[in-house]
Amino acid sequence: VMIYKDYLKTEHWRTFSRKAKNGRRNKCRICGSTSFLNTHHVKYSKNNKSVLFNETLSDVRTLCNDCHKLWHKILGKTPFRSKHADRIKNLIGIGIDKETAFSKCVGKDYSIVYKRGKSLNN
């Protein structure tokens, strides 16, 4: 069994990651940055089988280094959901700092922070 960190060094992963980023217009899914992009696994297995070496574009998302680190730091093992990414993007868009946006994207805190932020910007 290959260690995940070793897998990320394989030619297969490097090629797939490059294609994934190109397929997503080389932009972070959350903040739109085009710098220091990472390919984030949304899931590591399907039907109890590893997706490694068999990923599809639906198994990954393109995130900038900052958003990728914050996802793992704040949301940890929370599955990547488009809803969460859109909420973070909305909060950043109204001037909320990234770290707060990540911490408030899940649950009822989102609505409170979004409404408060929108009212401050109007």
N, C-alpha and C. Protein backbone atom coordinates (compact mmCIF):
# COMPACT_ATOMS: atom_id res chain seq x y z
N VAL A 1 0.85 -1.18 0.00
CA VAL A 1 0.00 0.00 0.00
C VAL A 1 0.89 1.24 0.00
N MET A 2 0.61 2.15 -0.91
CA MET A 2 1.41 3.36 -1.04
C MET A 2 0.97 4.41 -0.03
N ILE A 3 1.93 5.09 0.56
CA ILE A 3 1.65 6.19 1.47
C ILE A 3 1.17 7.37 0.63
N TYR A 4 0.16 8.07 1.12
CA TYR A 4 -0.46 9.17 0.37
C TYR A 4 0.56 10.22 -0.07
N LYS A 5 1.46 10.60 0.83
CA LYS A 5 2.48 11.61 0.48
C LYS A 5 3.35 11.13 -0.68
N ASP A 6 3.62 9.84 -0.74
CA ASP A 6 4.39 9.29 -1.86
C ASP A 6 3.56 9.31 -3.14
N TYR A 7 2.27 9.03 -3.01
CA TYR A 7 1.38 9.07 -4.18
C TYR A 7 1.40 10.45 -4.83
N LEU A 8 1.41 11.50 -4.00
CA LEU A 8 1.39 12.87 -4.53
C LEU A 8 2.65 13.21 -5.32
N LYS A 9 3.66 12.39 -5.22
CA LYS A 9 4.91 12.61 -5.96
C LYS A 9 4.96 11.82 -7.26
N THR A 10 3.96 10.98 -7.51
CA THR A 10 3.99 10.14 -8.72
C THR A 10 3.72 10.95 -9.97
N GLU A 11 4.21 10.46 -11.07
CA GLU A 11 3.97 11.11 -12.37
C GLU A 11 2.47 11.09 -12.68
N HIS A 12 1.79 10.00 -12.33
CA HIS A 12 0.34 9.92 -12.55
C HIS A 12 -0.37 11.09 -11.87
N TRP A 13 -0.09 11.30 -10.58
CA TRP A 13 -0.78 12.37 -9.85
C TRP A 13 -0.43 13.74 -10.41
N ARG A 14 0.84 13.95 -10.71
CA ARG A 14 1.25 15.25 -11.24
C ARG A 14 0.54 15.56 -12.55
N THR A 15 0.44 14.57 -13.42
CA THR A 15 -0.25 14.75 -14.71
C THR A 15 -1.74 14.99 -14.48
N PHE A 16 -2.36 14.17 -13.65
CA PHE A 16 -3.79 14.33 -13.39
C PHE A 16 -4.08 15.68 -12.75
N SER A 17 -3.28 16.06 -11.77
CA SER A 17 -3.47 17.33 -11.08
C SER A 17 -3.39 18.51 -12.05
N ARG A 18 -2.42 18.47 -12.94
CA ARG A 18 -2.27 19.53 -13.94
C ARG A 18 -3.51 19.60 -14.85
N LYS A 19 -3.99 18.44 -15.27
CA LYS A 19 -5.20 18.40 -16.12
C LYS A 19 -6.42 18.92 -15.36
N ALA A 20 -6.52 18.56 -14.09
CA ALA A 20 -7.65 19.01 -13.27
C ALA A 20 -7.65 20.53 -13.15
N LYS A 21 -6.48 21.10 -12.88
CA LYS A 21 -6.37 22.56 -12.76
C LYS A 21 -6.72 23.23 -14.09
N ASN A 22 -6.20 22.69 -15.18
CA ASN A 22 -6.52 23.26 -16.51
C ASN A 22 -8.01 23.16 -16.80
N GLY A 23 -8.61 22.04 -16.42
CA GLY A 23 -10.05 21.84 -16.65
C GLY A 23 -10.91 22.77 -15.81
N ARG A 24 -10.33 23.35 -14.79
CA ARG A 24 -11.06 24.27 -13.92
C ARG A 24 -10.56 25.70 -14.11
N ARG A 25 -10.04 25.97 -15.28
CA ARG A 25 -9.57 27.32 -15.68
C ARG A 25 -8.47 27.86 -14.78
N ASN A 26 -7.72 26.97 -14.14
CA ASN A 26 -6.61 27.39 -13.28
C ASN A 26 -7.02 28.45 -12.26
N LYS A 27 -8.17 28.21 -11.61
CA LYS A 27 -8.68 29.14 -10.60
C LYS A 27 -9.11 28.37 -9.36
N CYS A 28 -8.89 28.99 -8.22
CA CYS A 28 -9.36 28.43 -6.96
C CYS A 28 -10.89 28.41 -6.96
N ARG A 29 -11.47 27.29 -6.59
CA ARG A 29 -12.92 27.13 -6.56
C ARG A 29 -13.58 28.08 -5.57
N ILE A 30 -12.83 28.51 -4.57
CA ILE A 30 -13.41 29.33 -3.52
C ILE A 30 -13.16 30.82 -3.72
N CYS A 31 -11.91 31.22 -3.85
CA CYS A 31 -11.61 32.66 -3.90
C CYS A 31 -11.27 33.18 -5.29
N GLY A 32 -11.10 32.28 -6.25
CA GLY A 32 -10.81 32.71 -7.62
C GLY A 32 -9.34 32.99 -7.89
N SER A 33 -8.48 32.81 -6.90
CA SER A 33 -7.04 33.06 -7.09
C SER A 33 -6.50 32.14 -8.19
N THR A 34 -5.50 32.65 -8.89
CA THR A 34 -4.83 31.84 -9.92
C THR A 34 -3.40 31.50 -9.50
N SER A 35 -3.05 31.81 -8.27
CA SER A 35 -1.69 31.57 -7.77
C SER A 35 -1.62 30.39 -6.80
N PHE A 36 -0.54 29.67 -6.86
CA PHE A 36 -0.25 28.58 -5.92
C PHE A 36 -1.43 27.62 -5.77
N LEU A 37 -1.85 27.04 -6.89
CA LEU A 37 -3.01 26.15 -6.88
C LEU A 37 -2.66 24.73 -6.45
N ASN A 38 -3.60 24.11 -5.74
CA ASN A 38 -3.50 22.72 -5.30
C ASN A 38 -4.70 21.98 -5.85
N THR A 39 -4.56 20.67 -5.95
CA THR A 39 -5.69 19.83 -6.31
C THR A 39 -6.09 19.07 -5.05
N HIS A 40 -7.29 19.35 -4.57
CA HIS A 40 -7.80 18.80 -3.30
C HIS A 40 -8.70 17.61 -3.59
N HIS A 41 -8.41 16.47 -2.95
CA HIS A 41 -9.29 15.30 -3.08
C HIS A 41 -10.58 15.56 -2.31
N VAL A 42 -11.70 15.43 -2.98
CA VAL A 42 -13.01 15.53 -2.34
C VAL A 42 -13.28 14.23 -1.60
N LYS A 43 -12.86 13.14 -2.20
CA LYS A 43 -13.01 11.83 -1.58
C LYS A 43 -11.80 10.98 -1.96
N TYR A 44 -11.50 10.06 -1.09
CA TYR A 44 -10.34 9.21 -1.30
C TYR A 44 -10.74 7.79 -1.70
N SER A 45 -12.04 7.51 -1.60
CA SER A 45 -12.50 6.18 -1.98
C SER A 45 -13.93 6.25 -2.52
N LYS A 46 -14.25 5.27 -3.35
CA LYS A 46 -15.60 5.06 -3.87
C LYS A 46 -15.92 3.59 -3.69
N ASN A 47 -17.07 3.31 -3.16
CA ASN A 47 -17.48 1.92 -2.94
C ASN A 47 -16.40 1.13 -2.21
N ASN A 48 -15.82 1.74 -1.19
CA ASN A 48 -14.77 1.13 -0.36
C ASN A 48 -13.50 0.80 -1.13
N LYS A 49 -13.30 1.42 -2.30
CA LYS A 49 -12.06 1.23 -3.06
C LYS A 49 -11.38 2.58 -3.21
N SER A 50 -10.08 2.59 -3.08
CA SER A 50 -9.31 3.82 -3.20
C SER A 50 -9.49 4.41 -4.60
N VAL A 51 -9.58 5.73 -4.66
CA VAL A 51 -9.65 6.40 -5.98
C VAL A 51 -8.25 6.71 -6.50
N LEU A 52 -7.23 6.54 -5.65
CA LEU A 52 -5.88 6.86 -6.08
C LEU A 52 -5.51 6.04 -7.31
N PHE A 53 -4.95 6.73 -8.28
CA PHE A 53 -4.61 6.21 -9.61
C PHE A 53 -5.83 6.06 -10.50
N ASN A 54 -7.02 6.34 -9.99
CA ASN A 54 -8.25 6.23 -10.79
C ASN A 54 -9.16 7.44 -10.61
N GLU A 55 -8.61 8.59 -10.23
CA GLU A 55 -9.43 9.78 -10.00
C GLU A 55 -10.13 10.22 -11.27
N THR A 56 -11.28 10.86 -11.05
CA THR A 56 -11.96 11.60 -12.11
C THR A 56 -12.06 13.04 -11.63
N LEU A 57 -12.44 13.95 -12.51
CA LEU A 57 -12.55 15.35 -12.10
C LEU A 57 -13.55 15.54 -10.97
N SER A 58 -14.55 14.68 -10.86
CA SER A 58 -15.53 14.83 -9.78
C SER A 58 -14.95 14.44 -8.42
N ASP A 59 -13.77 13.84 -8.41
CA ASP A 59 -13.13 13.44 -7.15
C ASP A 59 -12.24 14.53 -6.56
N VAL A 60 -12.03 15.62 -7.31
CA VAL A 60 -11.09 16.66 -6.87
C VAL A 60 -11.66 18.05 -7.10
N ARG A 61 -11.08 19.04 -6.39
CA ARG A 61 -11.39 20.45 -6.59
C ARG A 61 -10.07 21.20 -6.64
N THR A 62 -10.04 22.29 -7.38
CA THR A 62 -8.86 23.14 -7.44
C THR A 62 -9.01 24.22 -6.38
N LEU A 63 -8.02 24.29 -5.49
CA LEU A 63 -8.01 25.30 -4.42
C LEU A 63 -6.63 25.95 -4.39
N CYS A 64 -6.61 27.24 -4.06
CA CYS A 64 -5.30 27.89 -3.86
C CYS A 64 -4.72 27.35 -2.56
N ASN A 65 -3.44 27.56 -2.37
CA ASN A 65 -2.77 27.04 -1.19
C ASN A 65 -3.43 27.54 0.10
N ASP A 66 -3.78 28.83 0.16
CA ASP A 66 -4.42 29.38 1.36
C ASP A 66 -5.75 28.68 1.66
N CYS A 67 -6.61 28.59 0.66
CA CYS A 67 -7.93 27.97 0.87
C CYS A 67 -7.78 26.48 1.20
N HIS A 68 -6.82 25.81 0.57
CA HIS A 68 -6.60 24.40 0.84
C HIS A 68 -6.17 24.19 2.30
N LYS A 69 -5.24 25.01 2.76
CA LYS A 69 -4.79 24.90 4.15
C LYS A 69 -5.93 25.20 5.13
N LEU A 70 -6.71 26.25 4.83
CA LEU A 70 -7.82 26.60 5.71
C LEU A 70 -8.89 25.51 5.72
N TRP A 71 -9.15 24.90 4.57
CA TRP A 71 -10.14 23.81 4.52
C TRP A 71 -9.73 22.72 5.51
N HIS A 72 -8.46 22.29 5.43
CA HIS A 72 -8.00 21.22 6.31
C HIS A 72 -7.90 21.67 7.77
N LYS A 73 -7.46 22.90 8.00
CA LYS A 73 -7.30 23.40 9.37
C LYS A 73 -8.64 23.57 10.07
N ILE A 74 -9.61 24.18 9.39
CA ILE A 74 -10.86 24.53 10.04
C ILE A 74 -11.95 23.48 9.83
N LEU A 75 -12.05 22.98 8.62
CA LEU A 75 -13.13 22.04 8.32
C LEU A 75 -12.68 20.59 8.44
N GLY A 76 -11.38 20.37 8.49
CA GLY A 76 -10.86 19.02 8.71
C GLY A 76 -11.41 17.99 7.75
N LYS A 77 -12.09 17.02 8.30
CA LYS A 77 -12.62 15.91 7.50
C LYS A 77 -14.02 16.19 6.95
N THR A 78 -14.51 17.44 7.10
CA THR A 78 -15.81 17.77 6.54
C THR A 78 -15.77 17.54 5.04
N PRO A 79 -16.68 16.74 4.50
CA PRO A 79 -16.66 16.50 3.05
C PRO A 79 -16.81 17.82 2.29
N PHE A 80 -16.10 17.93 1.19
CA PHE A 80 -16.18 19.15 0.37
C PHE A 80 -17.55 19.19 -0.28
N ARG A 81 -18.30 20.20 0.02
CA ARG A 81 -19.63 20.40 -0.57
C ARG A 81 -19.62 21.73 -1.31
N SER A 82 -20.23 21.76 -2.47
CA SER A 82 -20.32 23.00 -3.23
C SER A 82 -21.00 24.08 -2.41
N LYS A 83 -21.98 23.69 -1.60
CA LYS A 83 -22.70 24.64 -0.75
C LYS A 83 -21.72 25.36 0.17
N HIS A 84 -20.80 24.63 0.79
CA HIS A 84 -19.82 25.25 1.69
C HIS A 84 -18.89 26.17 0.91
N ALA A 85 -18.41 25.71 -0.23
CA ALA A 85 -17.51 26.53 -1.05
C ALA A 85 -18.21 27.82 -1.48
N ASP A 86 -19.47 27.71 -1.87
CA ASP A 86 -20.22 28.90 -2.29
C ASP A 86 -20.42 29.86 -1.12
N ARG A 87 -20.69 29.32 0.06
CA ARG A 87 -20.86 30.17 1.25
C ARG A 87 -19.57 30.92 1.57
N ILE A 88 -18.44 30.21 1.52
CA ILE A 88 -17.15 30.85 1.79
C ILE A 88 -16.90 31.95 0.76
N LYS A 89 -17.16 31.64 -0.49
CA LYS A 89 -16.98 32.61 -1.58
C LYS A 89 -17.85 33.85 -1.35
N ASN A 90 -19.09 33.65 -0.94
CA ASN A 90 -20.00 34.77 -0.66
C ASN A 90 -19.47 35.64 0.48
N LEU A 91 -19.00 35.00 1.54
CA LEU A 91 -18.49 35.76 2.69
C LEU A 91 -17.24 36.55 2.32
N ILE A 92 -16.34 35.94 1.58
CA ILE A 92 -15.14 36.64 1.13
C ILE A 92 -15.54 37.82 0.24
N GLY A 93 -16.55 37.59 -0.60
CA GLY A 93 -17.03 38.61 -1.52
C GLY A 93 -17.60 39.85 -0.85
N ILE A 94 -18.06 39.71 0.38
CA ILE A 94 -18.59 40.88 1.09
C ILE A 94 -17.59 41.42 2.11
N GLY A 95 -16.34 40.95 2.00
CA GLY A 95 -15.29 41.52 2.82
C GLY A 95 -14.94 40.79 4.10
N ILE A 96 -15.51 39.61 4.31
CA ILE A 96 -15.17 38.82 5.49
C ILE A 96 -13.82 38.15 5.23
N ASP A 97 -12.91 38.16 6.21
CA ASP A 97 -11.60 37.54 5.99
C ASP A 97 -11.75 36.03 5.79
N LYS A 98 -10.80 35.44 5.09
CA LYS A 98 -10.89 34.03 4.72
C LYS A 98 -11.06 33.10 5.91
N GLU A 99 -10.28 33.31 6.96
CA GLU A 99 -10.34 32.40 8.10
C GLU A 99 -11.73 32.41 8.74
N THR A 100 -12.32 33.60 8.91
CA THR A 100 -13.67 33.71 9.46
C THR A 100 -14.68 33.07 8.51
N ALA A 101 -14.51 33.32 7.22
CA ALA A 101 -15.42 32.75 6.22
C ALA A 101 -15.43 31.23 6.30
N PHE A 102 -14.26 30.62 6.44
CA PHE A 102 -14.20 29.17 6.55
C PHE A 102 -14.86 28.69 7.83
N SER A 103 -14.62 29.38 8.93
CA SER A 103 -15.16 28.92 10.20
C SER A 103 -16.67 29.11 10.30
N LYS A 104 -17.24 29.99 9.48
CA LYS A 104 -18.68 30.29 9.57
C LYS A 104 -19.49 29.70 8.41
N CYS A 105 -18.89 28.88 7.57
CA CYS A 105 -19.61 28.40 6.38
C CYS A 105 -20.56 27.25 6.67
N VAL A 106 -20.43 26.63 7.83
CA VAL A 106 -21.26 25.48 8.17
C VAL A 106 -22.21 25.87 9.30
N GLY A 107 -23.48 25.53 9.16
CA GLY A 107 -24.45 25.78 10.21
C GLY A 107 -25.08 27.16 10.16
N LYS A 108 -25.78 27.50 11.25
CA LYS A 108 -26.57 28.73 11.27
C LYS A 108 -25.71 29.99 11.35
N ASP A 109 -24.44 29.86 11.78
CA ASP A 109 -23.56 31.03 11.84
C ASP A 109 -23.44 31.71 10.48
N TYR A 110 -23.51 30.94 9.40
CA TYR A 110 -23.35 31.51 8.06
C TYR A 110 -24.36 32.62 7.82
N SER A 111 -25.63 32.34 8.05
CA SER A 111 -26.69 33.32 7.79
C SER A 111 -26.49 34.59 8.60
N ILE A 112 -26.12 34.43 9.86
CA ILE A 112 -25.91 35.59 10.73
C ILE A 112 -24.76 36.45 10.22
N VAL A 113 -23.62 35.82 9.93
CA VAL A 113 -22.44 36.56 9.46
C VAL A 113 -22.70 37.18 8.09
N TYR A 114 -23.36 36.44 7.20
CA TYR A 114 -23.63 36.96 5.85
C TYR A 114 -24.54 38.20 5.91
N LYS A 115 -25.62 38.09 6.67
CA LYS A 115 -26.55 39.22 6.78
C LYS A 115 -25.87 40.43 7.42
N ARG A 116 -25.09 40.21 8.46
CA ARG A 116 -24.38 41.31 9.13
C ARG A 116 -23.37 41.94 8.16
N GLY A 117 -22.62 41.13 7.45
CA GLY A 117 -21.63 41.63 6.50
C GLY A 117 -22.26 42.40 5.36
N LYS A 118 -23.37 41.89 4.84
CA LYS A 118 -24.09 42.57 3.74
C LYS A 118 -24.60 43.92 4.21
N SER A 119 -25.14 43.97 5.41
CA SER A 119 -25.69 45.24 5.89
C SER A 119 -24.59 46.28 6.11
N LEU A 120 -23.41 45.84 6.49
CA LEU A 120 -22.30 46.77 6.67
C LEU A 120 -21.79 47.33 5.34
N ASN A 121 -21.97 46.56 4.27
CA ASN A 121 -21.47 46.98 2.95
C ASN A 121 -22.50 47.77 2.15
N ASN A 122 -23.70 47.86 2.62
CA ASN A 122 -24.76 48.61 1.88
C ASN A 122 -24.92 50.03 2.39
